[in-house]
Amino acid sequence: MGGDFAPAYPVHAAVEALRNFRAISRLILVGDEEQIRRELSRHGTVPADRLRVFHTTQVVAMADSPVEAVRRKKDSSMCRAVDLVKEGAADAIVSAGNTGALLAASTIKLRTLAGVDRAALAVVMPKRDGIFVLMDAGASVDAKPDNLVDYAIMGEAYCRHLLRKPDPKIGVLSNGSERGKGSKLACEAYDLLKDTPVNFIGNIEGHDLFDGPADVVVCDGFVGNVLLKSIESMARMTFKMLKEELTANLVRLSGAMLTKGAFATIHKKVNADDHGGALLLGVNGIVIKAHGSSSVRALCSSLRVAVEAVDNQVNPHIIENLARLRNL
């Protein structure tokens, strides 16, 4: 029931996921049953043995206080969905709803994995020769140096087992590439990470994010969230300005038609819809936070990522790697 286009887009995405991903044995739509059934009726025959509707009476609004929403709206679609994961009735949750409420519900109800102090949102970002993972993208704004070490370990497991990168390179986001540059948090995280078994390559500056060697870039949630939203805003503005200028007159429009293929290729590379939502790493369950304005395609991709995270046992790998780090 969460997101800008609920319940239409989430229901549509669920139907598409059931048709495209045979690995989903059952998909549970949590929310107001009457509205959900109405949307399902728009999409023809749906395999009844693989779809269940779990009725709830409340919805967490975007303006709701996260902690208050968890305390006072226990029968909300979001809280009940997290409960299903906690009880083992579901393996993963995908939500486009209130980010803070999802983080609060997941942390309070599921708890963190053994060895994890704070969870982190991992966002897949495009770069010139592929993709990289940015974390934390907003789960915790006041991280400590050892939290960034945990983020690096979790991000490494994500890259290795979901993105199939055999030896992920880890970097700390800072304002200089040299050791000793950056905030106290960045400097202390650097000193800790250089002695860990991950492939740590040092600091990553802003201008190296999208054309550099790092596969995982770690930072606190405040910096990560501001960076993420700034990138989204810049991308929207750039494409809008390009469209306006390239269609300003017939001469430019003619040139634009000749380069249409190139623009389509670039758009495909930077389109977030294919990467799915942000994976909340560090909680005892698979939680995917989709953007509030996610398209059907983006929500479907989020469901795919959830399946892959379960099938590739991301959380057991994180627990194993953190235990090995603690022993070292």
C-alpha atoms as a PDB file:
ATOM      1  CA  MET A   1       0.000   0.000   0.000  1.00  0.00           C
ATOM      2  CA  GLY A   2       3.057   2.256   0.047  1.00  0.00           C
ATOM      3  CA  GLY A   3       4.482   4.440  -2.692  1.00  0.00           C
ATOM      4  CA  ASP A   4       3.203   7.131  -5.014  1.00  0.00           C
ATOM      5  CA  PHE A   5       1.202   4.734  -7.210  1.00  0.00           C
ATOM      6  CA  ALA A   6      -0.093   2.174  -4.723  1.00  0.00           C
ATOM      7  CA  PRO A   7      -1.756  -0.218  -4.930  1.00  0.00           C
ATOM      8  CA  ALA A   8      -1.849  -0.192  -8.764  1.00  0.00           C
ATOM      9  CA  TYR A   9       1.880  -0.400  -9.491  1.00  0.00           C
ATOM     10  CA  PRO A  10       2.820  -2.882  -6.732  1.00  0.00           C
ATOM     11  CA  VAL A  11      -0.020  -5.230  -7.774  1.00  0.00           C
ATOM     12  CA  HIS A  12       0.930  -4.958 -11.457  1.00  0.00           C
ATOM     13  CA  ALA A  13       4.580  -5.639 -10.590  1.00  0.00           C
ATOM     14  CA  ALA A  14       3.581  -8.665  -8.521  1.00  0.00           C
ATOM     15  CA  VAL A  15       1.658 -10.144 -11.451  1.00  0.00           C
ATOM     16  CA  GLU A  16       4.584  -9.545 -13.815  1.00  0.00           C
ATOM     17  CA  ALA A  17       7.022 -11.082 -11.324  1.00  0.00           C
ATOM     18  CA  LEU A  18       4.913 -14.230 -10.994  1.00  0.00           C
ATOM     19  CA  ARG A  19       4.879 -14.560 -14.769  1.00  0.00           C
ATOM     20  CA  ASN A  20       8.610 -13.922 -15.203  1.00  0.00           C
ATOM     21  CA  PHE A  21      10.266 -15.433 -12.126  1.00  0.00           C
ATOM     22  CA  ARG A  22       9.492 -19.088 -11.586  1.00  0.00           C
ATOM     23  CA  ALA A  23      11.750 -19.030  -8.507  1.00  0.00           C
ATOM     24  CA  ILE A  24       8.962 -17.244  -6.604  1.00  0.00           C
ATOM     25  CA  SER A  25       6.923 -20.086  -5.122  1.00  0.00           C
ATOM     26  CA  ARG A  26       4.447 -17.700  -3.512  1.00  0.00           C
ATOM     27  CA  LEU A  27       3.978 -13.965  -3.520  1.00  0.00           C
ATOM     28  CA  ILE A  28       2.011 -12.313  -0.714  1.00  0.00           C
ATOM     29  CA  LEU A  29       0.310  -8.977  -1.321  1.00  0.00           C
ATOM     30  CA  VAL A  30      -0.156  -7.272   2.050  1.00  0.00           C
ATOM     31  CA  GLY A  31      -2.762  -4.522   2.370  1.00  0.00           C
ATOM     32  CA  ASP A  32      -6.418  -3.680   1.857  1.00  0.00           C
ATOM     33  CA  GLU A  33      -7.877  -6.804   0.239  1.00  0.00           C
ATOM     34  CA  GLU A  34     -10.718  -5.051  -1.566  1.00  0.00           C
ATOM     35  CA  GLN A  35      -8.377  -2.615  -3.305  1.00  0.00           C
ATOM     36  CA  ILE A  36      -5.871  -5.345  -4.100  1.00  0.00           C
ATOM     37  CA  ARG A  37      -8.513  -7.654  -5.601  1.00  0.00           C
ATOM     38  CA  ARG A  38      -9.820  -4.784  -7.700  1.00  0.00           C
ATOM     39  CA  GLU A  39      -6.355  -4.203  -9.139  1.00  0.00           C
ATOM     40  CA  LEU A  40      -5.761  -7.910  -9.697  1.00  0.00           C
ATOM     41  CA  SER A  41      -8.937  -8.105 -11.774  1.00  0.00           C
ATOM     42  CA  ARG A  42      -7.300  -5.772 -14.322  1.00  0.00           C
ATOM     43  CA  HIS A  43      -4.522  -8.253 -15.138  1.00  0.00           C
ATOM     44  CA  GLY A  44      -6.308 -11.386 -16.287  1.00  0.00           C
ATOM     45  CA  THR A  45      -5.600 -14.837 -14.915  1.00  0.00           C
ATOM     46  CA  VAL A  46      -3.177 -14.987 -12.009  1.00  0.00           C
ATOM     47  CA  PRO A  47      -1.897 -18.331 -10.661  1.00  0.00           C
ATOM     48  CA  ALA A  48      -3.914 -18.689  -7.445  1.00  0.00           C
ATOM     49  CA  ASP A  49      -1.543 -21.276  -5.950  1.00  0.00           C
ATOM     50  CA  ARG A  50       1.335 -18.754  -6.107  1.00  0.00           C
ATOM     51  CA  LEU A  51      -0.515 -15.650  -4.913  1.00  0.00           C
ATOM     52  CA  ARG A  52      -1.955 -14.811  -1.512  1.00  0.00           C
ATOM     53  CA  VAL A  53      -3.619 -11.637  -0.270  1.00  0.00           C
ATOM     54  CA  PHE A  54      -3.023 -10.795   3.388  1.00  0.00           C
ATOM     55  CA  HIS A  55      -5.620  -8.270   4.525  1.00  0.00           C
ATOM     56  CA  THR A  56      -4.641  -5.345   6.776  1.00  0.00           C
ATOM     57  CA  THR A  57      -6.661  -2.403   8.042  1.00  0.00           C
ATOM     58  CA  GLN A  58      -4.007   0.318   8.278  1.00  0.00           C
ATOM     59  CA  VAL A  59      -1.497   2.078   6.032  1.00  0.00           C
ATOM     60  CA  VAL A  60       1.701   3.916   6.996  1.00  0.00           C
ATOM     61  CA  ALA A  61       1.543   7.331   5.337  1.00  0.00           C
ATOM     62  CA  MET A  62       4.625   9.059   3.967  1.00  0.00           C
ATOM     63  CA  ALA A  63       4.250  11.809   6.590  1.00  0.00           C
ATOM     64  CA  ASP A  64       3.994   9.413   9.553  1.00  0.00           C
ATOM     65  CA  SER A  65       6.714   9.384  12.193  1.00  0.00           C
ATOM     66  CA  PRO A  66       8.673   6.136  11.669  1.00  0.00           C
ATOM     67  CA  VAL A  67       8.757   4.929  15.274  1.00  0.00           C
ATOM     68  CA  GLU A  68       5.188   6.063  15.987  1.00  0.00           C
ATOM     69  CA  ALA A  69       4.004   4.271  12.857  1.00  0.00           C
ATOM     70  CA  VAL A  70       5.523   1.006  14.077  1.00  0.00           C
ATOM     71  CA  ARG A  71       4.054   1.457  17.574  1.00  0.00           C
ATOM     72  CA  ARG A  72       0.568   2.674  16.686  1.00  0.00           C
ATOM     73  CA  LYS A  73      -0.100   1.077  13.307  1.00  0.00           C
ATOM     74  CA  LYS A  74       0.568  -2.544  14.113  1.00  0.00           C
ATOM     75  CA  ASP A  75      -1.960  -3.697  11.505  1.00  0.00           C
ATOM     76  CA  SER A  76      -0.421  -1.621   8.731  1.00  0.00           C
ATOM     77  CA  SER A  77       0.583  -3.337   5.495  1.00  0.00           C
ATOM     78  CA  MET A  78       4.243  -2.531   6.176  1.00  0.00           C
ATOM     79  CA  CYS A  79       4.337  -3.861   9.754  1.00  0.00           C
ATOM     80  CA  ARG A  80       2.437  -7.009   8.847  1.00  0.00           C
ATOM     81  CA  ALA A  81       4.749  -7.667   5.905  1.00  0.00           C
ATOM     82  CA  VAL A  82       7.789  -7.431   8.191  1.00  0.00           C
ATOM     83  CA  ASP A  83       5.987  -9.717  10.670  1.00  0.00           C
ATOM     84  CA  LEU A  84       5.618 -12.337   7.937  1.00  0.00           C
ATOM     85  CA  VAL A  85       9.387 -12.337   7.426  1.00  0.00           C
ATOM     86  CA  LYS A  86       9.999 -12.468  11.180  1.00  0.00           C
ATOM     87  CA  GLU A  87       7.655 -15.454  11.535  1.00  0.00           C
ATOM     88  CA  GLY A  88       9.243 -17.285   8.615  1.00  0.00           C
ATOM     89  CA  ALA A  89       6.083 -17.103   6.503  1.00  0.00           C
ATOM     90  CA  ALA A  90       7.982 -15.052   3.915  1.00  0.00           C
ATOM     91  CA  ASP A  91      11.642 -14.886   2.930  1.00  0.00           C
ATOM     92  CA  ALA A  92      11.768 -11.240   1.864  1.00  0.00           C
ATOM     93  CA  ILE A  93       9.831  -7.981   1.791  1.00  0.00           C
ATOM     94  CA  VAL A  94       9.690  -5.339  -0.951  1.00  0.00           C
ATOM     95  CA  SER A  95       8.187  -1.955  -0.087  1.00  0.00           C
ATOM     96  CA  ALA A  96       7.943   1.428  -1.809  1.00  0.00           C
ATOM     97  CA  GLY A  97       6.508   3.028   1.312  1.00  0.00           C
ATOM     98  CA  ASN A  98       7.808   5.313   4.063  1.00  0.00           C
ATOM     99  CA  THR A  99      11.581   4.712   4.214  1.00  0.00           C
ATOM    100  CA  GLY A 100      12.019   5.603   7.876  1.00  0.00           C
ATOM    101  CA  ALA A 101       9.117   3.410   8.938  1.00  0.00           C
ATOM    102  CA  LEU A 102      10.445   0.452   6.938  1.00  0.00           C
ATOM    103  CA  LEU A 103      13.894   0.856   8.505  1.00  0.00           C
ATOM    104  CA  ALA A 104      12.388   1.151  11.985  1.00  0.00           C
ATOM    105  CA  ALA A 105      10.060  -1.823  11.549  1.00  0.00           C
ATOM    106  CA  SER A 106      12.805  -3.997  10.075  1.00  0.00           C
ATOM    107  CA  THR A 107      15.356  -3.105  12.753  1.00  0.00           C
ATOM    108  CA  ILE A 108      12.944  -3.402  15.681  1.00  0.00           C
ATOM    109  CA  LYS A 109      11.151  -6.552  14.561  1.00  0.00           C
ATOM    110  CA  LEU A 110      13.882  -8.470  12.709  1.00  0.00           C
ATOM    111  CA  ARG A 111      16.894  -7.256  14.705  1.00  0.00           C
ATOM    112  CA  THR A 112      20.373  -7.059  13.208  1.00  0.00           C
ATOM    113  CA  LEU A 113      22.535  -9.973  12.138  1.00  0.00           C
ATOM    114  CA  ALA A 114      25.102 -11.393  14.527  1.00  0.00           C
ATOM    115  CA  GLY A 115      28.080  -9.036  14.583  1.00  0.00           C
ATOM    116  CA  VAL A 116      26.228  -6.115  12.974  1.00  0.00           C
ATOM    117  CA  ASP A 117      25.704  -2.964  15.015  1.00  0.00           C
ATOM    118  CA  ARG A 118      23.793  -0.956  12.390  1.00  0.00           C
ATOM    119  CA  ALA A 119      22.088  -1.842   9.136  1.00  0.00           C
ATOM    120  CA  ALA A 120      22.830   0.047   5.929  1.00  0.00           C
ATOM    121  CA  LEU A 121      20.997   0.755   2.683  1.00  0.00           C
ATOM    122  CA  ALA A 122      22.966  -0.508  -0.306  1.00  0.00           C
ATOM    123  CA  VAL A 123      22.174   1.217  -3.608  1.00  0.00           C
ATOM    124  CA  VAL A 124      23.462   0.009  -6.965  1.00  0.00           C
ATOM    125  CA  MET A 125      24.779   2.951  -8.997  1.00  0.00           C
ATOM    126  CA  PRO A 126      25.908   3.135 -12.642  1.00  0.00           C
ATOM    127  CA  LYS A 127      29.444   4.019 -13.684  1.00  0.00           C
ATOM    128  CA  ARG A 128      31.184   4.209 -17.034  1.00  0.00           C
ATOM    129  CA  ASP A 129      32.296   0.575 -17.157  1.00  0.00           C
ATOM    130  CA  GLY A 130      29.572  -1.049 -15.070  1.00  0.00           C
ATOM    131  CA  ILE A 131      28.066  -0.523 -11.625  1.00  0.00           C
ATOM    132  CA  PHE A 132      29.128   0.043  -8.025  1.00  0.00           C
ATOM    133  CA  VAL A 133      27.409  -0.173  -4.638  1.00  0.00           C
ATOM    134  CA  LEU A 134      26.986   2.912  -2.448  1.00  0.00           C
ATOM    135  CA  MET A 135      26.319   2.350   1.239  1.00  0.00           C
ATOM    136  CA  ASP A 136      25.007   3.638   3.538  1.00  0.00           C
ATOM    137  CA  ALA A 137      22.399   5.534   1.491  1.00  0.00           C
ATOM    138  CA  GLY A 138      20.426   6.737   4.485  1.00  0.00           C
ATOM    139  CA  ALA A 139      19.768   4.109   7.163  1.00  0.00           C
ATOM    140  CA  SER A 140      22.017   5.647   9.835  1.00  0.00           C
ATOM    141  CA  VAL A 141      23.157   9.274   9.801  1.00  0.00           C
ATOM    142  CA  ASP A 142      25.606   9.099  12.708  1.00  0.00           C
ATOM    143  CA  ALA A 143      27.773   6.076  11.942  1.00  0.00           C
ATOM    144  CA  LYS A 144      30.994   5.198  13.737  1.00  0.00           C
ATOM    145  CA  PRO A 145      34.236   4.024  12.094  1.00  0.00           C
ATOM    146  CA  ASP A 146      33.612   0.354  12.880  1.00  0.00           C
ATOM    147  CA  ASN A 147      30.160   0.692  11.306  1.00  0.00           C
ATOM    148  CA  LEU A 148      31.850   1.626   8.023  1.00  0.00           C
ATOM    149  CA  VAL A 149      33.954  -1.517   8.355  1.00  0.00           C
ATOM    150  CA  ASP A 150      30.746  -3.538   8.693  1.00  0.00           C
ATOM    151  CA  TYR A 151      29.356  -1.744   5.623  1.00  0.00           C
ATOM    152  CA  ALA A 152      32.464  -2.734   3.672  1.00  0.00           C
ATOM    153  CA  ILE A 153      32.122  -6.390   4.710  1.00  0.00           C
ATOM    154  CA  MET A 154      28.403  -6.429   3.836  1.00  0.00           C
ATOM    155  CA  GLY A 155      28.926  -4.603   0.554  1.00  0.00           C
ATOM    156  CA  GLU A 156      31.697  -7.013  -0.373  1.00  0.00           C
ATOM    157  CA  ALA A 157      29.331  -9.962   0.175  1.00  0.00           C
ATOM    158  CA  TYR A 158      26.652  -8.221  -1.911  1.00  0.00           C
ATOM    159  CA  CYS A 159      29.056  -7.640  -4.800  1.00  0.00           C
ATOM    160  CA  ARG A 160      30.604 -11.086  -4.661  1.00  0.00           C
ATOM    161  CA  HIS A 161      27.431 -13.164  -4.395  1.00  0.00           C
ATOM    162  CA  LEU A 162      24.742 -11.065  -6.124  1.00  0.00           C
ATOM    163  CA  LEU A 163      26.666  -8.973  -8.640  1.00  0.00           C
ATOM    164  CA  ARG A 164      29.173 -11.759  -9.350  1.00  0.00           C
ATOM    165  CA  LYS A 165      32.296  -9.660  -8.857  1.00  0.00           C
ATOM    166  CA  PRO A 166      35.017 -12.122  -7.733  1.00  0.00           C
ATOM    167  CA  ASP A 167      37.241  -9.679  -5.820  1.00  0.00           C
ATOM    168  CA  PRO A 168      35.312  -6.452  -5.096  1.00  0.00           C
ATOM    169  CA  LYS A 169      37.361  -3.300  -4.526  1.00  0.00           C
ATOM    170  CA  ILE A 170      36.338  -1.288  -1.458  1.00  0.00           C
ATOM    171  CA  GLY A 171      36.799   2.464  -1.018  1.00  0.00           C
ATOM    172  CA  VAL A 172      35.905   5.125   1.562  1.00  0.00           C
ATOM    173  CA  LEU A 173      34.193   8.252   0.251  1.00  0.00           C
ATOM    174  CA  SER A 174      36.351  11.258   1.139  1.00  0.00           C
ATOM    175  CA  ASN A 175      37.460  14.676  -0.119  1.00  0.00           C
ATOM    176  CA  GLY A 176      40.954  13.519  -0.975  1.00  0.00           C
ATOM    177  CA  SER A 177      42.611  10.331  -2.186  1.00  0.00           C
ATOM    178  CA  GLU A 178      45.562  10.475   0.202  1.00  0.00           C
ATOM    179  CA  ARG A 179      45.530   8.762   3.582  1.00  0.00           C
ATOM    180  CA  GLY A 180      44.725  11.308   6.288  1.00  0.00           C
ATOM    181  CA  LYS A 181      42.345  13.284   4.080  1.00  0.00           C
ATOM    182  CA  GLY A 182      38.705  13.673   5.060  1.00  0.00           C
ATOM    183  CA  SER A 183      36.617  13.807   8.222  1.00  0.00           C
ATOM    184  CA  LYS A 184      37.584  12.086  11.439  1.00  0.00           C
ATOM    185  CA  LEU A 185      35.119   9.328  10.572  1.00  0.00           C
ATOM    186  CA  ALA A 186      36.651   8.753   7.136  1.00  0.00           C
ATOM    187  CA  CYS A 187      40.228   8.799   8.474  1.00  0.00           C
ATOM    188  CA  GLU A 188      39.497   6.343  11.270  1.00  0.00           C
ATOM    189  CA  ALA A 189      37.562   4.059   8.937  1.00  0.00           C
ATOM    190  CA  TYR A 190      40.549   4.120   6.547  1.00  0.00           C
ATOM    191  CA  ASP A 191      42.900   3.019   9.344  1.00  0.00           C
ATOM    192  CA  LEU A 192      40.591   0.161  10.304  1.00  0.00           C
ATOM    193  CA  LEU A 193      39.882  -1.038   6.772  1.00  0.00           C
ATOM    194  CA  LYS A 194      43.532  -1.239   5.729  1.00  0.00           C
ATOM    195  CA  ASP A 195      43.967  -4.062   8.261  1.00  0.00           C
ATOM    196  CA  THR A 196      40.926  -6.079   7.187  1.00  0.00           C
ATOM    197  CA  PRO A 197      40.903  -8.962   4.680  1.00  0.00           C
ATOM    198  CA  VAL A 198      38.776  -7.044   2.135  1.00  0.00           C
ATOM    199  CA  ASN A 199      40.341  -5.614  -1.027  1.00  0.00           C
ATOM    200  CA  PHE A 200      40.597  -2.067   0.329  1.00  0.00           C
ATOM    201  CA  ILE A 201      41.890   0.470  -2.222  1.00  0.00           C
ATOM    202  CA  GLY A 202      41.794   3.618  -0.051  1.00  0.00           C
ATOM    203  CA  ASN A 203      39.831   6.832  -0.367  1.00  0.00           C
ATOM    204  CA  ILE A 204      37.494   7.571  -3.268  1.00  0.00           C
ATOM    205  CA  GLU A 205      36.880  11.202  -4.194  1.00  0.00           C
ATOM    206  CA  GLY A 206      33.618  12.438  -5.640  1.00  0.00           C
ATOM    207  CA  HIS A 207      35.012  12.828  -9.157  1.00  0.00           C
ATOM    208  CA  ASP A 208      36.150   9.171  -9.153  1.00  0.00           C
ATOM    209  CA  LEU A 209      32.780   7.701  -8.202  1.00  0.00           C
ATOM    210  CA  PHE A 210      31.537   7.143 -11.739  1.00  0.00           C
ATOM    211  CA  ASP A 211      34.839   6.554 -13.515  1.00  0.00           C
ATOM    212  CA  GLY A 212      36.961   4.907 -10.841  1.00  0.00           C
ATOM    213  CA  PRO A 213      37.956   1.410  -9.716  1.00  0.00           C
ATOM    214  CA  ALA A 214      35.757   1.007  -6.617  1.00  0.00           C
ATOM    215  CA  ASP A 215      33.005  -1.637  -6.566  1.00  0.00           C
ATOM    216  CA  VAL A 216      31.816  -0.653  -3.078  1.00  0.00           C
ATOM    217  CA  VAL A 217      31.954   2.900  -1.702  1.00  0.00           C
ATOM    218  CA  VAL A 218      31.208   3.306   2.010  1.00  0.00           C
ATOM    219  CA  CYS A 219      30.173   6.424   3.923  1.00  0.00           C
ATOM    220  CA  ASP A 220      27.755   7.414   6.683  1.00  0.00           C
ATOM    221  CA  GLY A 221      24.051   7.593   5.887  1.00  0.00           C
ATOM    222  CA  PHE A 222      23.884  11.393   5.969  1.00  0.00           C
ATOM    223  CA  VAL A 223      26.546  11.819   3.286  1.00  0.00           C
ATOM    224  CA  GLY A 224      25.232   8.866   1.282  1.00  0.00           C
ATOM    225  CA  ASN A 225      21.636  10.074   1.236  1.00  0.00           C
ATOM    226  CA  VAL A 226      22.566  13.649   0.292  1.00  0.00           C
ATOM    227  CA  LEU A 227      24.835  12.305  -2.460  1.00  0.00           C
ATOM    228  CA  LEU A 228      22.155   9.947  -3.793  1.00  0.00           C
ATOM    229  CA  LYS A 229      19.446  12.607  -3.964  1.00  0.00           C
ATOM    230  CA  SER A 230      21.841  15.117  -5.523  1.00  0.00           C
ATOM    231  CA  ILE A 231      22.720  12.592  -8.235  1.00  0.00           C
ATOM    232  CA  GLU A 232      19.039  11.864  -8.898  1.00  0.00           C
ATOM    233  CA  SER A 233      18.291  15.574  -9.178  1.00  0.00           C
ATOM    234  CA  MET A 234      21.241  16.219 -11.485  1.00  0.00           C
ATOM    235  CA  ALA A 235      20.247  13.298 -13.738  1.00  0.00           C
ATOM    236  CA  ARG A 236      16.660  14.545 -14.050  1.00  0.00           C
ATOM    237  CA  MET A 237      17.797  18.083 -14.799  1.00  0.00           C
ATOM    238  CA  THR A 238      20.373  16.931 -17.374  1.00  0.00           C
ATOM    239  CA  PHE A 239      17.925  14.801 -19.343  1.00  0.00           C
ATOM    240  CA  LYS A 240      15.261  17.508 -19.150  1.00  0.00           C
ATOM    241  CA  MET A 241      17.682  20.172 -20.439  1.00  0.00           C
ATOM    242  CA  LEU A 242      18.881  17.872 -23.217  1.00  0.00           C
ATOM    243  CA  LYS A 243      15.317  17.233 -24.325  1.00  0.00           C
ATOM    244  CA  GLU A 244      14.469  20.949 -24.295  1.00  0.00           C
ATOM    245  CA  GLU A 245      17.578  21.972 -26.233  1.00  0.00           C
ATOM    246  CA  LEU A 246      17.492  19.128 -28.749  1.00  0.00           C
ATOM    247  CA  THR A 247      13.882  19.859 -29.643  1.00  0.00           C
ATOM    248  CA  ALA A 248      14.237  23.657 -29.689  1.00  0.00           C
ATOM    249  CA  ASN A 249      14.199  23.838 -33.515  1.00  0.00           C
ATOM    250  CA  LEU A 250      14.084  21.615 -36.580  1.00  0.00           C
ATOM    251  CA  VAL A 251      17.841  21.650 -37.154  1.00  0.00           C
ATOM    252  CA  ARG A 252      18.579  20.392 -33.644  1.00  0.00           C
ATOM    253  CA  LEU A 253      15.706  17.931 -33.835  1.00  0.00           C
ATOM    254  CA  SER A 254      17.154  16.477 -37.035  1.00  0.00           C
ATOM    255  CA  GLY A 255      20.527  16.048 -35.342  1.00  0.00           C
ATOM    256  CA  ALA A 256      18.887  14.507 -32.311  1.00  0.00           C
ATOM    257  CA  MET A 257      17.193  11.892 -34.488  1.00  0.00           C
ATOM    258  CA  LEU A 258      20.599  10.853 -35.850  1.00  0.00           C
ATOM    259  CA  THR A 259      21.924  10.318 -32.305  1.00  0.00           C
ATOM    260  CA  LYS A 260      18.762   8.711 -30.937  1.00  0.00           C
ATOM    261  CA  GLY A 261      20.436   5.320 -30.632  1.00  0.00           C
ATOM    262  CA  ALA A 262      23.318   6.724 -28.599  1.00  0.00           C
ATOM    263  CA  PHE A 263      20.964   8.496 -26.194  1.00  0.00           C
ATOM    264  CA  ALA A 264      18.896   5.321 -25.817  1.00  0.00           C
ATOM    265  CA  THR A 265      22.035   3.346 -24.928  1.00  0.00           C
ATOM    266  CA  ILE A 266      23.095   5.915 -22.335  1.00  0.00           C
ATOM    267  CA  HIS A 267      19.612   5.988 -20.846  1.00  0.00           C
ATOM    268  CA  LYS A 268      19.630   2.196 -20.547  1.00  0.00           C
ATOM    269  CA  LYS A 269      22.975   2.264 -18.734  1.00  0.00           C
ATOM    270  CA  VAL A 270      21.885   4.842 -16.161  1.00  0.00           C
ATOM    271  CA  ASN A 271      18.258   3.720 -15.800  1.00  0.00           C
ATOM    272  CA  ALA A 272      17.748   2.649 -12.182  1.00  0.00           C
ATOM    273  CA  ASP A 273      14.633   0.626 -13.036  1.00  0.00           C
ATOM    274  CA  ASP A 274      16.715  -2.418 -13.964  1.00  0.00           C
ATOM    275  CA  HIS A 275      18.721  -2.441 -10.723  1.00  0.00           C
ATOM    276  CA  GLY A 276      15.785  -2.696  -8.322  1.00  0.00           C
ATOM    277  CA  GLY A 277      15.506  -1.027  -4.934  1.00  0.00           C
ATOM    278  CA  ALA A 278      18.023  -0.586  -2.142  1.00  0.00           C
ATOM    279  CA  LEU A 279      18.835  -3.717  -0.144  1.00  0.00           C
ATOM    280  CA  LEU A 280      18.828  -3.119   3.623  1.00  0.00           C
ATOM    281  CA  LEU A 281      21.924  -5.061   4.618  1.00  0.00           C
ATOM    282  CA  GLY A 282      22.512  -6.101   8.199  1.00  0.00           C
ATOM    283  CA  VAL A 283      19.008  -7.090   9.355  1.00  0.00           C
ATOM    284  CA  ASN A 284      17.899 -10.653   9.987  1.00  0.00           C
ATOM    285  CA  GLY A 285      15.869 -10.950   6.804  1.00  0.00           C
ATOM    286  CA  ILE A 286      15.837  -9.705   3.226  1.00  0.00           C
ATOM    287  CA  VAL A 287      14.364  -6.191   3.002  1.00  0.00           C
ATOM    288  CA  ILE A 288      14.217  -4.204  -0.252  1.00  0.00           C
ATOM    289  CA  LYS A 289      13.351  -0.501  -0.171  1.00  0.00           C
ATOM    290  CA  ALA A 290      12.024   0.609  -3.537  1.00  0.00           C
ATOM    291  CA  HIS A 291      11.785   4.281  -4.466  1.00  0.00           C
ATOM    292  CA  GLY A 292       8.413   5.848  -3.678  1.00  0.00           C
ATOM    293  CA  SER A 293       7.951   6.797  -7.339  1.00  0.00           C
ATOM    294  CA  SER A 294       9.078   3.397  -8.656  1.00  0.00           C
ATOM    295  CA  SER A 295       7.675   2.252 -11.969  1.00  0.00           C
ATOM    296  CA  VAL A 296       6.189  -1.211 -12.432  1.00  0.00           C
ATOM    297  CA  ARG A 297       9.459  -2.259 -14.039  1.00  0.00           C
ATOM    298  CA  ALA A 298      11.486  -0.985 -11.073  1.00  0.00           C
ATOM    299  CA  LEU A 299       9.252  -2.811  -8.587  1.00  0.00           C
ATOM    300  CA  CYS A 300       9.517  -5.973 -10.644  1.00  0.00           C
ATOM    301  CA  SER A 301      13.316  -5.601 -10.585  1.00  0.00           C
ATOM    302  CA  SER A 302      13.154  -5.191  -6.803  1.00  0.00           C
ATOM    303  CA  LEU A 303      11.313  -8.498  -6.542  1.00  0.00           C
ATOM    304  CA  ARG A 304      14.010 -10.095  -8.702  1.00  0.00           C
ATOM    305  CA  VAL A 305      16.745  -8.737  -6.403  1.00  0.00           C
ATOM    306  CA  ALA A 306      14.858 -10.130  -3.403  1.00  0.00           C
ATOM    307  CA  VAL A 307      14.806 -13.578  -5.016  1.00  0.00           C
ATOM    308  CA  GLU A 308      18.519 -13.386  -5.818  1.00  0.00           C
ATOM    309  CA  ALA A 309      19.389 -12.253  -2.283  1.00  0.00           C
ATOM    310  CA  VAL A 310      17.542 -15.237  -0.818  1.00  0.00           C
ATOM    311  CA  ASP A 311      18.846 -17.773  -3.331  1.00  0.00           C
ATOM    312  CA  ASN A 312      22.461 -16.629  -2.979  1.00  0.00           C
ATOM    313  CA  GLN A 313      22.295 -16.564   0.836  1.00  0.00           C
ATOM    314  CA  VAL A 314      23.638 -13.050   1.231  1.00  0.00           C
ATOM    315  CA  ASN A 315      22.952 -12.886   4.975  1.00  0.00           C
ATOM    316  CA  PRO A 316      24.732 -16.158   5.868  1.00  0.00           C
ATOM    317  CA  HIS A 317      27.758 -14.958   3.879  1.00  0.00           C
ATOM    318  CA  ILE A 318      27.725 -11.636   5.792  1.00  0.00           C
ATOM    319  CA  ILE A 319      27.587 -13.444   9.157  1.00  0.00           C
ATOM    320  CA  GLU A 320      30.438 -15.734   8.111  1.00  0.00           C
ATOM    321  CA  ASN A 321      32.637 -12.858   6.905  1.00  0.00           C
ATOM    322  CA  LEU A 322      32.009 -10.753  10.019  1.00  0.00           C
ATOM    323  CA  ALA A 323      32.830 -13.702  12.285  1.00  0.00           C
ATOM    324  CA  ARG A 324      36.085 -14.258  10.385  1.00  0.00           C
ATOM    325  CA  LEU A 325      36.928 -10.551  10.755  1.00  0.00           C
ATOM    326  CA  ARG A 326      36.281 -10.614  14.498  1.00  0.00           C
ATOM    327  CA  ASN A 327      38.567 -13.647  14.874  1.00  0.00           C
ATOM    328  CA  LEU A 328      41.322 -11.849  12.993  1.00  0.00           C
END
